[in-house]
Each structure stands twice: as C-alpha cells, then as structure tokens.
Amino acid sequence: MLWLTLVLAVLVGVSLGLLGGGGSILTVPLLVYVAGLPAKEAIATSLLVVGVTSIAALLPHARAGRVRWRTGVVFGLAAMAGAYAGGRLAVFVPGTVLLVAFALMMLATAVAMIRGRSVRDAGEGEDHHLPLLLVLTEGVVVGLVTGIVGAGGGFLVVPALVLIGGLPMPVAVGTSLLVIAMKSFAGLAGYLSSVSVDWGLALAVTAMAVVGSLAGGLLAGRVPHEGLRKGFGWFVLVMGAVVLGQSVLTA
C-alpha cells in the first residue's frame, strides 16, 4: 500500500497549505490504517512529515504577507515547550487512548469553528497581535496536546487565532504554519527518546506532502474567509468522527 500512502500524502500537503492545519489529522490515520504503522510510530512520523511540510507551505503565505511573525514565534516557542513535554509523557499512554483523545479534540474544535462568530473585517496587512500572556498560555496548552496525541496543532491554533484573536482566516492559516513547524519538531524530539521511525517511509511521505502544500498555499488567498473557516470546521468534524469510529472498533 506504499503507492496509496504516497498519493494520499499529497492531500496532507494541500490541507496544510490551504487550511493551515489538518496535516496530522490526515497523516496519523493514513500511517495507521493505510501504511500499517503502530499508533505511536505513526504519531512520531506524522510530526516529522507535518513539520517539514509546514515550512514548505509557509513560503507562499509569507510572500503574500499572510503571516504575523511576532505572534507566531511567541506562540511557537511556548508550544514547543509544551510539545516536548507532551512527547515525553506520551510514552506512558496506550496507543488506542492517544487516538481516541486525538479524535475527541478534533470534534470539539470542529464544533467551535462551525458555530464560531464571523471573523471581524481586518485587513491582511493590519499589524494585529494577540496579548502576550494569552499567546503564551494558549501556546503551552496547544503544544502539550500536540506532543501527546501527535497533532500538528493547526486545528487548534487556527481556531484560537480566528475566534479569540480575531485574525482574518487567511492570516491565521499562514501564522499557524509557523507555529506548527516549530512545535512539531519539538514534539518529535520528545518522541524519539522512546519511539523509532522508518526514515525511508517518512521522507517519501514528506516529499509528496510538500508538493501538495505548495499547491494549497497558492489556493489559500483565493478562497473567501468565512467559507474557509466553515469548510475547515466541517473537514475536521468528518475526520474526527472517522478516527473515533475506527479507534472504538479496533479497541
């Protein structure tokens, strides 16, 4: 099933480039149910794939001015600390429990995005930043979740930037990619202390995901803000239901 894994990896990249999240939401199930990896190895591998792909996806957003660098770096540094701690803690949690927690977090976030208020009319070039304490707190919490359940965190970072920070969806997407890259590598560092990675498979999946991310990044600026937010929410809701169902059936 290697060929199918690589083809579907392109969708991982498109999701990251277009939505600023969804990479781990797709990568973990892909590696578990298609590539046949154990849950913890799949989570560790997904952190590598999502981290590298996020850097590639960030480039078109940065060129278009859709990244809030200060907010992203502060959020990312706080999230890296949480992600490393989460990656170290994950060794004590059974793989099935990790997948169930992963799915439940996805469902809660999806509902928030679908029902959330409309994004205020802020221009993409406006220099808007979240309060420092709020950024640090959210960063640590999101990072901890990232490290434990292997989520790149875009499905948590994007809603935080949109619903709490009031950033336009395209700007939240671009800023999220910076945060995702930083804390994915931190989470991976935590996992590598106890989990081995099939580097050949990981690099092949990453390469295909990077190709998809470039296409997704180019599309992001052309999709209406409100439609992008709701589409993101429904996408996460469906994937969360699938992962939860599979986890319960195989428990």
Foldseek 3Di string as FASTA:
>chain_A
DLVVLQVVLLVLQLCLLAQLFDNQLSQQCSCCVPVPDQNLQSLLLSLLLLLLLLVLSLVLCVVVLLEQVVLLVLLQVLLLVLQLVLQQVQVVPDSLVLLLVVLVVLQVLLVCLQPADDQPDDDSNDNFHDDNVVSNVQSNVQSNNCLNNSGLRSSPQQCCCCRVRSDQSSSSSSSSSSSSNSSSVSSSVNNVVPDDYPVVSSVSSSVSSNVSNNVSNVCNVVDDRSVSSNVSSVVSNVSSVVSNVVSVVVD
